């Protein structure tokens, strides 16, 4: 029973912390609805809604950027161990890059890189 007491206390402290932060936010918030108030451009009335500034054509490019960003996350640890693992690590990385390039070719065919 004492093994679960530590877990219960941890959960209780975490829940109290979240509730405390939520209450602090409610007490110190400047506006009830920050999307309608003027939180940006130094108090000037916004010309358009804050969530509608970007056209939908930017989202495929963003996804491609994220795919290559995640690729770099895999390549850094791979670069550390490639000398130890040898040719199999190089082959695996080229297969991984081939899958990513297939995604880029698909995005190119779908017109994700066209800006107009």
PDB file of N, CA and C in Angstrom:
ATOM      1  N   UNK A   1       0.817  -1.186   0.000  1.00  0.00           N
ATOM      2  CA  UNK A   1       0.000   0.000   0.000  1.00  0.00           C
ATOM      3  C   UNK A   1       0.869   1.261   0.000  1.00  0.00           C
ATOM      4  N   UNK A   2       1.998   1.226   0.671  1.00  0.00           N
ATOM      5  CA  UNK A   2       2.862   2.405   0.738  1.00  0.00           C
ATOM      6  C   UNK A   2       3.502   2.701  -0.615  1.00  0.00           C
ATOM      7  N   UNK A   3       3.593   1.692  -1.505  1.00  0.00           N
ATOM      8  CA  UNK A   3       4.150   1.920  -2.831  1.00  0.00           C
ATOM      9  C   UNK A   3       3.224   2.816  -3.656  1.00  0.00           C
ATOM     10  N   UNK A   4       1.937   2.665  -3.436  1.00  0.00           N
ATOM     11  CA  UNK A   4       0.971   3.485  -4.164  1.00  0.00           C
ATOM     12  C   UNK A   4       0.788   4.861  -3.541  1.00  0.00           C
ATOM     13  N   UNK A   5       1.209   5.029  -2.317  1.00  0.00           N
ATOM     14  CA  UNK A   5       1.063   6.317  -1.645  1.00  0.00           C
ATOM     15  C   UNK A   5       1.925   7.386  -2.325  1.00  0.00           C
ATOM     16  N   UNK A   6       3.149   7.034  -2.718  1.00  0.00           N
ATOM     17  CA  UNK A   6       4.017   7.974  -3.421  1.00  0.00           C
ATOM     18  C   UNK A   6       3.446   8.367  -4.781  1.00  0.00           C
ATOM     19  N   UNK A   7       2.872   7.373  -5.476  1.00  0.00           N
ATOM     20  CA  UNK A   7       2.257   7.659  -6.771  1.00  0.00           C
ATOM     21  C   UNK A   7       1.044   8.566  -6.603  1.00  0.00           C
ATOM     22  N   UNK A   8       0.230   8.287  -5.608  1.00  0.00           N
ATOM     23  CA  UNK A   8      -0.955   9.111  -5.359  1.00  0.00           C
ATOM     24  C   UNK A   8      -0.560  10.526  -4.969  1.00  0.00           C
ATOM     25  N   UNK A   9       0.465  10.675  -4.164  1.00  0.00           N
ATOM     26  CA  UNK A   9       0.913  12.010  -3.774  1.00  0.00           C
ATOM     27  C   UNK A   9       1.470  12.777  -4.980  1.00  0.00           C
ATOM     28  N   UNK A  10       2.199  12.095  -5.857  1.00  0.00           N
ATOM     29  CA  UNK A  10       2.726  12.740  -7.063  1.00  0.00           C
ATOM     30  C   UNK A  10       1.596  13.226  -7.956  1.00  0.00           C
ATOM     31  N   UNK A  11       0.591  12.389  -8.145  1.00  0.00           N
ATOM     32  CA  UNK A  11      -0.557  12.790  -8.953  1.00  0.00           C
ATOM     33  C   UNK A  11      -1.305  13.944  -8.316  1.00  0.00           C
ATOM     34  N   UNK A  12      -1.425  13.937  -6.994  1.00  0.00           N
ATOM     35  CA  UNK A  12      -2.109  15.011  -6.291  1.00  0.00           C
ATOM     36  C   UNK A  12      -1.344  16.330  -6.424  1.00  0.00           C
ATOM     37  N   UNK A  13      -0.022  16.284  -6.287  1.00  0.00           N
ATOM     38  CA  UNK A  13       0.789  17.491  -6.436  1.00  0.00           C
ATOM     39  C   UNK A  13       0.713  18.012  -7.872  1.00  0.00           C
ATOM     40  N   UNK A  14       0.748  17.112  -8.863  1.00  0.00           N
ATOM     41  CA  UNK A  14       0.660  17.531 -10.262  1.00  0.00           C
ATOM     42  C   UNK A  14      -0.700  18.168 -10.550  1.00  0.00           C
ATOM     43  N   UNK A  15      -1.773  17.565 -10.061  1.00  0.00           N
ATOM     44  CA  UNK A  15      -3.111  18.117 -10.275  1.00  0.00           C
ATOM     45  C   UNK A  15      -3.264  19.467  -9.580  1.00  0.00           C
ATOM     46  N   UNK A  16      -2.720  19.600  -8.378  1.00  0.00           N
ATOM     47  CA  UNK A  16      -2.786  20.879  -7.672  1.00  0.00           C
ATOM     48  C   UNK A  16      -1.974  21.945  -8.409  1.00  0.00           C
ATOM     49  N   UNK A  17      -0.843  21.567  -8.965  1.00  0.00           N
ATOM     50  CA  UNK A  17      -0.038  22.515  -9.732  1.00  0.00           C
ATOM     51  C   UNK A  17      -0.757  22.993 -10.984  1.00  0.00           C
ATOM     52  N   UNK A  18      -1.388  22.074 -11.692  1.00  0.00           N
ATOM     53  CA  UNK A  18      -2.131  22.454 -12.894  1.00  0.00           C
ATOM     54  C   UNK A  18      -3.305  23.350 -12.523  1.00  0.00           C
ATOM     55  N   UNK A  19      -4.037  22.993 -11.472  1.00  0.00           N
ATOM     56  CA  UNK A  19      -5.166  23.811 -11.035  1.00  0.00           C
ATOM     57  C   UNK A  19      -4.698  25.194 -10.577  1.00  0.00           C
ATOM     58  N   UNK A  20      -3.577  25.248  -9.898  1.00  0.00           N
ATOM     59  CA  UNK A  20      -3.046  26.529  -9.463  1.00  0.00           C
ATOM     60  C   UNK A  20      -2.633  27.408 -10.632  1.00  0.00           C
ATOM     61  N   UNK A  21      -1.977  26.829 -11.636  1.00  0.00           N
ATOM     62  CA  UNK A  21      -1.596  27.603 -12.814  1.00  0.00           C
ATOM     63  C   UNK A  21      -2.818  28.084 -13.587  1.00  0.00           C
ATOM     64  N   UNK A  22      -3.844  27.252 -13.684  1.00  0.00           N
ATOM     65  CA  UNK A  22      -5.069  27.656 -14.366  1.00  0.00           C
ATOM     66  C   UNK A  22      -5.739  28.803 -13.615  1.00  0.00           C
ATOM     67  N   UNK A  23      -5.796  28.704 -12.289  1.00  0.00           N
ATOM     68  CA  UNK A  23      -6.399  29.773 -11.493  1.00  0.00           C
ATOM     69  C   UNK A  23      -5.588  31.065 -11.608  1.00  0.00           C
ATOM     70  N   UNK A  24      -4.253  30.956 -11.612  1.00  0.00           N
ATOM     71  CA  UNK A  24      -3.406  32.134 -11.769  1.00  0.00           C
ATOM     72  C   UNK A  24      -3.636  32.803 -13.121  1.00  0.00           C
ATOM     73  N   UNK A  25      -3.800  31.980 -14.151  1.00  0.00           N
ATOM     74  CA  UNK A  25      -4.077  32.539 -15.473  1.00  0.00           C
ATOM     75  C   UNK A  25      -5.419  33.274 -15.488  1.00  0.00           C
ATOM     76  N   UNK A  26      -6.425  32.687 -14.873  1.00  0.00           N
ATOM     77  CA  UNK A  26      -7.744  33.326 -14.845  1.00  0.00           C
ATOM     78  C   UNK A  26      -7.700  34.652 -14.083  1.00  0.00           C
ATOM     79  N   UNK A  27      -6.911  34.698 -13.036  1.00  0.00           N
ATOM     80  CA  UNK A  27      -6.850  35.919 -12.237  1.00  0.00           C
ATOM     81  C   UNK A  27      -6.023  37.015 -12.911  1.00  0.00           C
ATOM     82  N   UNK A  28      -5.025  36.631 -13.681  1.00  0.00           N
ATOM     83  CA  UNK A  28      -4.123  37.625 -14.256  1.00  0.00           C
ATOM     84  C   UNK A  28      -4.348  37.875 -15.742  1.00  0.00           C
ATOM     85  N   UNK A  29      -5.382  37.299 -16.336  1.00  0.00           N
ATOM     86  CA  UNK A  29      -5.626  37.471 -17.767  1.00  0.00           C
ATOM     87  C   UNK A  29      -6.055  38.900 -18.072  1.00  0.00           C
ATOM     88  N   UNK A  30      -5.556  39.432 -19.167  1.00  0.00           N
ATOM     89  CA  UNK A  30      -5.891  40.793 -19.564  1.00  0.00           C
ATOM     90  C   UNK A  30      -7.280  40.832 -20.183  1.00  0.00           C
ATOM     91  N   UNK A  31      -7.605  39.872 -21.029  1.00  0.00           N
ATOM     92  CA  UNK A  31      -8.899  39.866 -21.712  1.00  0.00           C
ATOM     93  C   UNK A  31      -9.492  38.465 -21.643  1.00  0.00           C
ATOM     94  N   UNK A  32     -10.800  38.402 -21.644  1.00  0.00           N
ATOM     95  CA  UNK A  32     -11.460  37.095 -21.633  1.00  0.00           C
ATOM     96  C   UNK A  32     -11.312  36.388 -22.965  1.00  0.00           C
ATOM     97  N   UNK A  33     -11.377  37.131 -24.061  1.00  0.00           N
ATOM     98  CA  UNK A  33     -11.227  36.542 -25.384  1.00  0.00           C
ATOM     99  C   UNK A  33     -10.100  37.270 -26.113  1.00  0.00           C
ATOM    100  N   UNK A  34      -8.877  36.757 -26.055  1.00  0.00           N
ATOM    101  CA  UNK A  34      -7.744  37.490 -26.625  1.00  0.00           C
ATOM    102  C   UNK A  34      -7.781  37.577 -28.150  1.00  0.00           C
ATOM    103  N   UNK A  35      -8.569  36.736 -28.839  1.00  0.00           N
ATOM    104  CA  UNK A  35      -8.630  36.827 -30.291  1.00  0.00           C
ATOM    105  C   UNK A  35      -9.460  38.021 -30.744  1.00  0.00           C
ATOM    106  N   UNK A  36     -10.373  38.476 -29.904  1.00  0.00           N
ATOM    107  CA  UNK A  36     -11.210  39.612 -30.264  1.00  0.00           C
ATOM    108  C   UNK A  36     -10.577  40.911 -29.791  1.00  0.00           C
ATOM    109  N   UNK A  37      -9.862  40.860 -28.686  1.00  0.00           N
ATOM    110  CA  UNK A  37      -9.196  42.072 -28.197  1.00  0.00           C
ATOM    111  C   UNK A  37      -8.001  42.390 -29.087  1.00  0.00           C
ATOM    112  N   UNK A  38      -7.260  43.405 -28.748  1.00  0.00           N
ATOM    113  CA  UNK A  38      -6.160  43.864 -29.603  1.00  0.00           C
ATOM    114  C   UNK A  38      -4.806  43.499 -28.994  1.00  0.00           C
ATOM    115  N   UNK A  39      -4.402  42.213 -29.053  1.00  0.00           N
ATOM    116  CA  UNK A  39      -3.158  41.823 -28.398  1.00  0.00           C
ATOM    117  C   UNK A  39      -1.908  42.081 -29.218  1.00  0.00           C
ATOM    118  N   UNK A  40      -2.053  42.428 -30.489  1.00  0.00           N
ATOM    119  CA  UNK A  40      -0.867  42.612 -31.317  1.00  0.00           C
ATOM    120  C   UNK A  40      -0.957  43.949 -32.033  1.00  0.00           C
ATOM    121  N   UNK A  41       0.053  44.300 -32.738  1.00  0.00           N
ATOM    122  CA  UNK A  41       0.216  45.574 -33.444  1.00  0.00           C
ATOM    123  C   UNK A  41       0.010  46.763 -32.526  1.00  0.00           C
ATOM    124  N   UNK A  42       0.490  46.672 -31.331  1.00  0.00           N
ATOM    125  CA  UNK A  42       0.528  47.769 -30.366  1.00  0.00           C
ATOM    126  C   UNK A  42      -0.831  48.389 -30.087  1.00  0.00           C
ATOM    127  N   UNK A  43      -1.869  47.599 -30.093  1.00  0.00           N
ATOM    128  CA  UNK A  43      -3.193  48.099 -29.764  1.00  0.00           C
ATOM    129  C   UNK A  43      -3.993  48.609 -30.934  1.00  0.00           C
ATOM    130  N   UNK A  44      -3.417  48.611 -32.128  1.00  0.00           N
ATOM    131  CA  UNK A  44      -4.177  49.034 -33.302  1.00  0.00           C
ATOM    132  C   UNK A  44      -5.244  48.002 -33.616  1.00  0.00           C
ATOM    133  N   UNK A  45      -6.293  48.425 -34.226  1.00  0.00           N
ATOM    134  CA  UNK A  45      -7.356  47.491 -34.621  1.00  0.00           C
ATOM    135  C   UNK A  45      -6.823  46.618 -35.755  1.00  0.00           C
ATOM    136  N   UNK A  46      -6.898  45.297 -35.614  1.00  0.00           N
ATOM    137  CA  UNK A  46      -6.350  44.421 -36.646  1.00  0.00           C
ATOM    138  C   UNK A  46      -7.172  44.504 -37.932  1.00  0.00           C
ATOM    139  N   UNK A  47      -6.482  44.385 -39.053  1.00  0.00           N
ATOM    140  CA  UNK A  47      -7.154  44.429 -40.347  1.00  0.00           C
ATOM    141  C   UNK A  47      -7.838  43.114 -40.681  1.00  0.00           C
ATOM    142  N   UNK A  48      -7.345  42.031 -40.136  1.00  0.00           N
ATOM    143  CA  UNK A  48      -7.935  40.727 -40.389  1.00  0.00           C
ATOM    144  C   UNK A  48      -7.816  39.891 -39.132  1.00  0.00           C
ATOM    145  N   UNK A  49      -8.519  38.774 -39.111  1.00  0.00           N
ATOM    146  CA  UNK A  49      -8.513  37.903 -37.949  1.00  0.00           C
ATOM    147  C   UNK A  49      -7.140  37.278 -37.783  1.00  0.00           C
ATOM    148  N   UNK A  50      -6.712  37.094 -36.563  1.00  0.00           N
ATOM    149  CA  UNK A  50      -5.363  36.601 -36.283  1.00  0.00           C
ATOM    150  C   UNK A  50      -5.134  35.188 -36.795  1.00  0.00           C
ATOM    151  N   UNK A  51      -6.181  34.380 -36.904  1.00  0.00           N
ATOM    152  CA  UNK A  51      -6.005  33.003 -37.350  1.00  0.00           C
ATOM    153  C   UNK A  51      -6.178  32.836 -38.852  1.00  0.00           C
ATOM    154  N   UNK A  52      -6.524  33.874 -39.588  1.00  0.00           N
ATOM    155  CA  UNK A  52      -6.761  33.732 -41.018  1.00  0.00           C
ATOM    156  C   UNK A  52      -5.715  34.464 -41.852  1.00  0.00           C
ATOM    157  N   UNK A  53      -4.531  34.646 -41.340  1.00  0.00           N
ATOM    158  CA  UNK A  53      -3.513  35.406 -42.065  1.00  0.00           C
ATOM    159  C   UNK A  53      -2.818  34.587 -43.133  1.00  0.00           C
ATOM    160  N   UNK A  54      -2.793  33.280 -43.023  1.00  0.00           N
ATOM    161  CA  UNK A  54      -2.009  32.461 -43.924  1.00  0.00           C
ATOM    162  C   UNK A  54      -2.920  31.702 -44.868  1.00  0.00           C
ATOM    163  N   UNK A  55      -2.535  31.685 -46.119  1.00  0.00           N
ATOM    164  CA  UNK A  55      -3.315  30.977 -47.127  1.00  0.00           C
ATOM    165  C   UNK A  55      -3.095  29.477 -46.976  1.00  0.00           C
ATOM    166  N   UNK A  56      -4.053  28.692 -47.422  1.00  0.00           N
ATOM    167  CA  UNK A  56      -3.965  27.239 -47.277  1.00  0.00           C
ATOM    168  C   UNK A  56      -2.848  26.631 -48.101  1.00  0.00           C
ATOM    169  N   UNK A  57      -2.349  27.332 -49.111  1.00  0.00           N
ATOM    170  CA  UNK A  57      -1.288  26.754 -49.938  1.00  0.00           C
ATOM    171  C   UNK A  57       0.039  26.658 -49.198  1.00  0.00           C
ATOM    172  N   UNK A  58       0.177  27.336 -48.060  1.00  0.00           N
ATOM    173  CA  UNK A  58       1.425  27.267 -47.296  1.00  0.00           C
ATOM    174  C   UNK A  58       1.524  25.992 -46.460  1.00  0.00           C
ATOM    175  N   UNK A  59       0.416  25.343 -46.194  1.00  0.00           N
ATOM    176  CA  UNK A  59       0.437  24.179 -45.320  1.00  0.00           C
ATOM    177  C   UNK A  59       1.177  22.979 -45.917  1.00  0.00           C
ATOM    178  N   UNK A  60       1.013  22.630 -47.209  1.00  0.00           N
ATOM    179  CA  UNK A  60       1.830  21.527 -47.739  1.00  0.00           C
ATOM    180  C   UNK A  60       3.324  21.811 -47.667  1.00  0.00           C
ATOM    181  N   UNK A  61       3.725  23.053 -47.924  1.00  0.00           N
ATOM    182  CA  UNK A  61       5.137  23.405 -47.827  1.00  0.00           C
ATOM    183  C   UNK A  61       5.613  23.268 -46.384  1.00  0.00           C
ATOM    184  N   UNK A  62       4.752  23.642 -45.447  1.00  0.00           N
ATOM    185  CA  UNK A  62       5.092  23.486 -44.036  1.00  0.00           C
ATOM    186  C   UNK A  62       5.280  22.019 -43.676  1.00  0.00           C
ATOM    187  N   UNK A  63       4.424  21.151 -44.189  1.00  0.00           N
ATOM    188  CA  UNK A  63       4.560  19.723 -43.912  1.00  0.00           C
ATOM    189  C   UNK A  63       5.841  19.156 -44.511  1.00  0.00           C
ATOM    190  N   UNK A  64       6.214  19.628 -45.689  1.00  0.00           N
ATOM    191  CA  UNK A  64       7.464  19.174 -46.288  1.00  0.00           C
ATOM    192  C   UNK A  64       8.654  19.638 -45.448  1.00  0.00           C
ATOM    193  N   UNK A  65       8.591  20.893 -44.977  1.00  0.00           N
ATOM    194  CA  UNK A  65       9.654  21.386 -44.107  1.00  0.00           C
ATOM    195  C   UNK A  65       9.761  20.532 -42.843  1.00  0.00           C
ATOM    196  N   UNK A  66       8.620  20.193 -42.241  1.00  0.00           N
ATOM    197  CA  UNK A  66       8.652  19.374 -41.034  1.00  0.00           C
ATOM    198  C   UNK A  66       9.213  17.989 -41.314  1.00  0.00           C
ATOM    199  N   UNK A  67       8.918  17.432 -42.491  1.00  0.00           N
ATOM    200  CA  UNK A  67       9.469  16.116 -42.828  1.00  0.00           C
ATOM    201  C   UNK A  67      10.989  16.180 -42.890  1.00  0.00           C
ATOM    202  N   UNK A  68      11.530  17.231 -43.496  1.00  0.00           N
ATOM    203  CA  UNK A  68      12.983  17.341 -43.569  1.00  0.00           C
ATOM    204  C   UNK A  68      13.588  17.743 -42.233  1.00  0.00           C
ATOM    205  N   UNK A  69      12.829  18.425 -41.412  1.00  0.00           N
ATOM    206  CA  UNK A  69      13.303  18.748 -40.075  1.00  0.00           C
ATOM    207  C   UNK A  69      13.424  17.474 -39.246  1.00  0.00           C
ATOM    208  N   UNK A  70      12.444  16.601 -39.357  1.00  0.00           N
ATOM    209  CA  UNK A  70      12.498  15.321 -38.648  1.00  0.00           C
ATOM    210  C   UNK A  70      13.610  14.455 -39.224  1.00  0.00           C
ATOM    211  N   UNK A  71      13.851  14.575 -40.517  1.00  0.00           N
ATOM    212  CA  UNK A  71      14.960  13.839 -41.111  1.00  0.00           C
ATOM    213  C   UNK A  71      16.275  14.224 -40.447  1.00  0.00           C
ATOM    214  N   UNK A  72      16.467  15.505 -40.201  1.00  0.00           N
ATOM    215  CA  UNK A  72      17.703  15.944 -39.549  1.00  0.00           C
ATOM    216  C   UNK A  72      17.784  15.430 -38.119  1.00  0.00           C
ATOM    217  N   UNK A  73      16.649  15.299 -37.457  1.00  0.00           N
ATOM    218  CA  UNK A  73      16.667  14.730 -36.109  1.00  0.00           C
ATOM    219  C   UNK A  73      17.175  13.296 -36.118  1.00  0.00           C
ATOM    220  N   UNK A  74      16.902  12.564 -37.197  1.00  0.00           N
ATOM    221  CA  UNK A  74      17.399  11.190 -37.294  1.00  0.00           C
ATOM    222  C   UNK A  74      18.837  11.137 -37.787  1.00  0.00           C
ATOM    223  N   UNK A  75      19.244  12.135 -38.551  1.00  0.00           N
ATOM    224  CA  UNK A  75      20.589  12.076 -39.125  1.00  0.00           C
ATOM    225  C   UNK A  75      21.686  12.423 -38.121  1.00  0.00           C
ATOM    226  N   UNK A  76      21.411  13.265 -37.140  1.00  0.00           N
ATOM    227  CA  UNK A  76      22.450  13.610 -36.157  1.00  0.00           C
ATOM    228  C   UNK A  76      22.895  12.393 -35.336  1.00  0.00           C
ATOM    229  N   UNK A  77      21.980  11.627 -34.729  1.00  0.00           N
ATOM    230  CA  UNK A  77      22.472  10.436 -34.011  1.00  0.00           C
ATOM    231  C   UNK A  77      23.047   9.389 -34.956  1.00  0.00           C
ATOM    232  N   UNK A  78      22.514   9.327 -36.184  1.00  0.00           N
ATOM    233  CA  UNK A  78      23.055   8.380 -37.146  1.00  0.00           C
ATOM    234  C   UNK A  78      24.506   8.723 -37.466  1.00  0.00           C
ATOM    235  N   UNK A  79      24.828  10.005 -37.573  1.00  0.00           N
ATOM    236  CA  UNK A  79      26.194  10.419 -37.889  1.00  0.00           C
ATOM    237  C   UNK A  79      27.160  10.036 -36.772  1.00  0.00           C
ATOM    238  N   UNK A  80      26.664   9.924 -35.565  1.00  0.00           N
ATOM    239  CA  UNK A  80      27.527   9.555 -34.445  1.00  0.00           C
ATOM    240  C   UNK A  80      27.887   8.076 -34.489  1.00  0.00           C
ATOM    241  N   UNK A  81      26.938   7.223 -34.906  1.00  0.00           N
ATOM    242  CA  UNK A  81      27.165   5.780 -34.836  1.00  0.00           C
ATOM    243  C   UNK A  81      27.464   5.139 -36.185  1.00  0.00           C
ATOM    244  N   UNK A  82      27.507   5.903 -37.278  1.00  0.00           N
ATOM    245  CA  UNK A  82      27.677   5.291 -38.595  1.00  0.00           C
ATOM    246  C   UNK A  82      29.035   4.608 -38.729  1.00  0.00           C
ATOM    247  N   UNK A  83      30.075   5.148 -38.149  1.00  0.00           N
ATOM    248  CA  UNK A  83      31.403   4.520 -38.267  1.00  0.00           C
ATOM    249  C   UNK A  83      31.439   3.183 -37.540  1.00  0.00           C
ATOM    250  N   UNK A  84      30.713   3.089 -36.449  1.00  0.00           N
ATOM    251  CA  UNK A  84      30.708   1.847 -35.676  1.00  0.00           C
ATOM    252  C   UNK A  84      29.845   0.776 -36.341  1.00  0.00           C
ATOM    253  N   UNK A  85      28.726   1.180 -36.963  1.00  0.00           N
ATOM    254  CA  UNK A  85      27.804   0.210 -37.538  1.00  0.00           C
ATOM    255  C   UNK A  85      28.189  -0.223 -38.945  1.00  0.00           C
ATOM    256  N   UNK A  86      28.871   0.640 -39.675  1.00  0.00           N
ATOM    257  CA  UNK A  86      29.381   0.251 -40.981  1.00  0.00           C
ATOM    258  C   UNK A  86      28.395   0.462 -42.115  1.00  0.00           C
ATOM    259  N   UNK A  87      28.513  -0.412 -43.117  1.00  0.00           N
ATOM    260  CA  UNK A  87      27.760  -0.252 -44.358  1.00  0.00           C
ATOM    261  C   UNK A  87      26.254  -0.425 -44.165  1.00  0.00           C
ATOM    262  N   UNK A  88      25.848  -1.230 -43.214  1.00  0.00           N
ATOM    263  CA  UNK A  88      24.406  -1.430 -43.011  1.00  0.00           C
ATOM    264  C   UNK A  88      23.726  -0.128 -42.594  1.00  0.00           C
ATOM    265  N   UNK A  89      24.409   0.701 -41.806  1.00  0.00           N
ATOM    266  CA  UNK A  89      23.839   1.985 -41.403  1.00  0.00           C
ATOM    267  C   UNK A  89      23.718   2.929 -42.595  1.00  0.00           C
ATOM    268  N   UNK A  90      24.684   2.877 -43.492  1.00  0.00           N
ATOM    269  CA  UNK A  90      24.624   3.729 -44.681  1.00  0.00           C
ATOM    270  C   UNK A  90      23.468   3.299 -45.577  1.00  0.00           C
ATOM    271  N   UNK A  91      23.288   2.005 -45.747  1.00  0.00           N
ATOM    272  CA  UNK A  91      22.187   1.492 -46.566  1.00  0.00           C
ATOM    273  C   UNK A  91      20.846   1.876 -45.957  1.00  0.00           C
ATOM    274  N   UNK A  92      20.720   1.729 -44.645  1.00  0.00           N
ATOM    275  CA  UNK A  92      19.471   2.097 -43.987  1.00  0.00           C
ATOM    276  C   UNK A  92      19.169   3.587 -44.150  1.00  0.00           C
ATOM    277  N   UNK A  93      20.188   4.439 -44.076  1.00  0.00           N
ATOM    278  CA  UNK A  93      19.953   5.871 -44.238  1.00  0.00           C
ATOM    279  C   UNK A  93      19.540   6.199 -45.659  1.00  0.00           C
ATOM    280  N   UNK A  94      20.128   5.529 -46.645  1.00  0.00           N
ATOM    281  CA  UNK A  94      19.720   5.796 -48.026  1.00  0.00           C
ATOM    282  C   UNK A  94      18.297   5.305 -48.293  1.00  0.00           C
ATOM    283  N   UNK A  95      17.889   4.224 -47.657  1.00  0.00           N
ATOM    284  CA  UNK A  95      16.493   3.789 -47.775  1.00  0.00           C
ATOM    285  C   UNK A  95      15.575   4.829 -47.152  1.00  0.00           C
ATOM    286  N   UNK A  96      15.935   5.339 -45.999  1.00  0.00           N
ATOM    287  CA  UNK A  96      15.151   6.385 -45.328  1.00  0.00           C
ATOM    288  C   UNK A  96      15.057   7.634 -46.200  1.00  0.00           C
ATOM    289  N   UNK A  97      16.188   8.053 -46.775  1.00  0.00           N
ATOM    290  CA  UNK A  97      16.178   9.224 -47.647  1.00  0.00           C
ATOM    291  C   UNK A  97      15.390   8.968 -48.924  1.00  0.00           C
ATOM    292  N   UNK A  98      15.398   7.730 -49.399  1.00  0.00           N
ATOM    293  CA  UNK A  98      14.600   7.386 -50.576  1.00  0.00           C
ATOM    294  C   UNK A  98      13.114   7.510 -50.309  1.00  0.00           C
ATOM    295  N   UNK A  99      12.683   7.093 -49.123  1.00  0.00           N
ATOM    296  CA  UNK A  99      11.275   7.252 -48.752  1.00  0.00           C
ATOM    297  C   UNK A  99      10.917   8.730 -48.678  1.00  0.00           C
ATOM    298  N   UNK A 100      11.787   9.543 -48.099  1.00  0.00           N
ATOM    299  CA  UNK A 100      11.535  10.982 -48.045  1.00  0.00           C
ATOM    300  C   UNK A 100      11.499  11.602 -49.439  1.00  0.00           C
ATOM    301  N   UNK A 101      12.384  11.180 -50.310  1.00  0.00           N
ATOM    302  CA  UNK A 101      12.384  11.726 -51.662  1.00  0.00           C
ATOM    303  C   UNK A 101      11.135  11.308 -52.425  1.00  0.00           C
ATOM    304  N   UNK A 102      10.615  10.120 -52.147  1.00  0.00           N
ATOM    305  CA  UNK A 102       9.347   9.723 -52.764  1.00  0.00           C
ATOM    306  C   UNK A 102       8.235  10.671 -52.330  1.00  0.00           C
ATOM    307  N   UNK A 103       8.251  11.098 -51.071  1.00  0.00           N
ATOM    308  CA  UNK A 103       7.277  12.078 -50.602  1.00  0.00           C
ATOM    309  C   UNK A 103       7.448  13.420 -51.274  1.00  0.00           C
ATOM    310  N   UNK A 104       8.690  13.836 -51.515  1.00  0.00           N
ATOM    311  CA  UNK A 104       8.943  15.107 -52.193  1.00  0.00           C
ATOM    312  C   UNK A 104       8.477  15.035 -53.647  1.00  0.00           C
ATOM    313  N   UNK A 105       8.742  13.922 -54.319  1.00  0.00           N
ATOM    314  CA  UNK A 105       8.283  13.759 -55.698  1.00  0.00           C
ATOM    315  C   UNK A 105       6.761  13.793 -55.753  1.00  0.00           C
ATOM    316  N   UNK A 106       6.107  13.132 -54.809  1.00  0.00           N
ATOM    317  CA  UNK A 106       4.644  13.170 -54.762  1.00  0.00           C
ATOM    318  C   UNK A 106       4.138  14.594 -54.542  1.00  0.00           C
ATOM    319  N   UNK A 107       4.762  15.324 -53.607  1.00  0.00           N
ATOM    320  CA  UNK A 107       4.342  16.698 -53.349  1.00  0.00           C
ATOM    321  C   UNK A 107       4.579  17.571 -54.574  1.00  0.00           C
ATOM    322  N   UNK A 108       5.668  17.326 -55.297  1.00  0.00           N
ATOM    323  CA  UNK A 108       5.959  18.089 -56.499  1.00  0.00           C
ATOM    324  C   UNK A 108       4.885  17.833 -57.559  1.00  0.00           C
ATOM    325  N   UNK A 109       4.498  16.560 -57.726  1.00  0.00           N
ATOM    326  CA  UNK A 109       3.471  16.233 -58.694  1.00  0.00           C
ATOM    327  C   UNK A 109       2.118  16.809 -58.313  1.00  0.00           C
ATOM    328  N   UNK A 110       1.843  16.919 -57.014  1.00  0.00           N
ATOM    329  CA  UNK A 110       0.578  17.479 -56.559  1.00  0.00           C
ATOM    330  C   UNK A 110       0.560  19.003 -56.607  1.00  0.00           C
ATOM    331  N   UNK A 111       1.700  19.622 -56.861  1.00  0.00           N
ATOM    332  CA  UNK A 111       1.767  21.072 -56.985  1.00  0.00           C
ATOM    333  C   UNK A 111       1.990  21.804 -55.685  1.00  0.00           C
ATOM    334  N   UNK A 112       2.601  21.142 -54.707  1.00  0.00           N
ATOM    335  CA  UNK A 112       2.822  21.785 -53.405  1.00  0.00           C
ATOM    336  C   UNK A 112       3.856  22.904 -53.481  1.00  0.00           C
ATOM    337  N   UNK A 113       4.695  22.890 -54.501  1.00  0.00           N
ATOM    338  CA  UNK A 113       5.741  23.897 -54.611  1.00  0.00           C
ATOM    339  C   UNK A 113       5.356  25.071 -55.504  1.00  0.00           C
ATOM    340  N   UNK A 114       4.124  25.076 -56.031  1.00  0.00           N
ATOM    341  CA  UNK A 114       3.660  26.181 -56.858  1.00  0.00           C
ATOM    342  C   UNK A 114       3.115  27.268 -55.962  1.00  0.00           C
ATOM    343  N   UNK A 115       3.590  28.477 -56.132  1.00  0.00           N
ATOM    344  CA  UNK A 115       3.213  29.583 -55.256  1.00  0.00           C
ATOM    345  C   UNK A 115       2.090  30.428 -55.816  1.00  0.00           C
ATOM    346  N   UNK A 116       1.769  30.289 -57.052  1.00  0.00           N
ATOM    347  CA  UNK A 116       0.724  31.139 -57.635  1.00  0.00           C
ATOM    348  C   UNK A 116      -0.525  30.354 -57.928  1.00  0.00           C
TER     349      UNK A 116
END
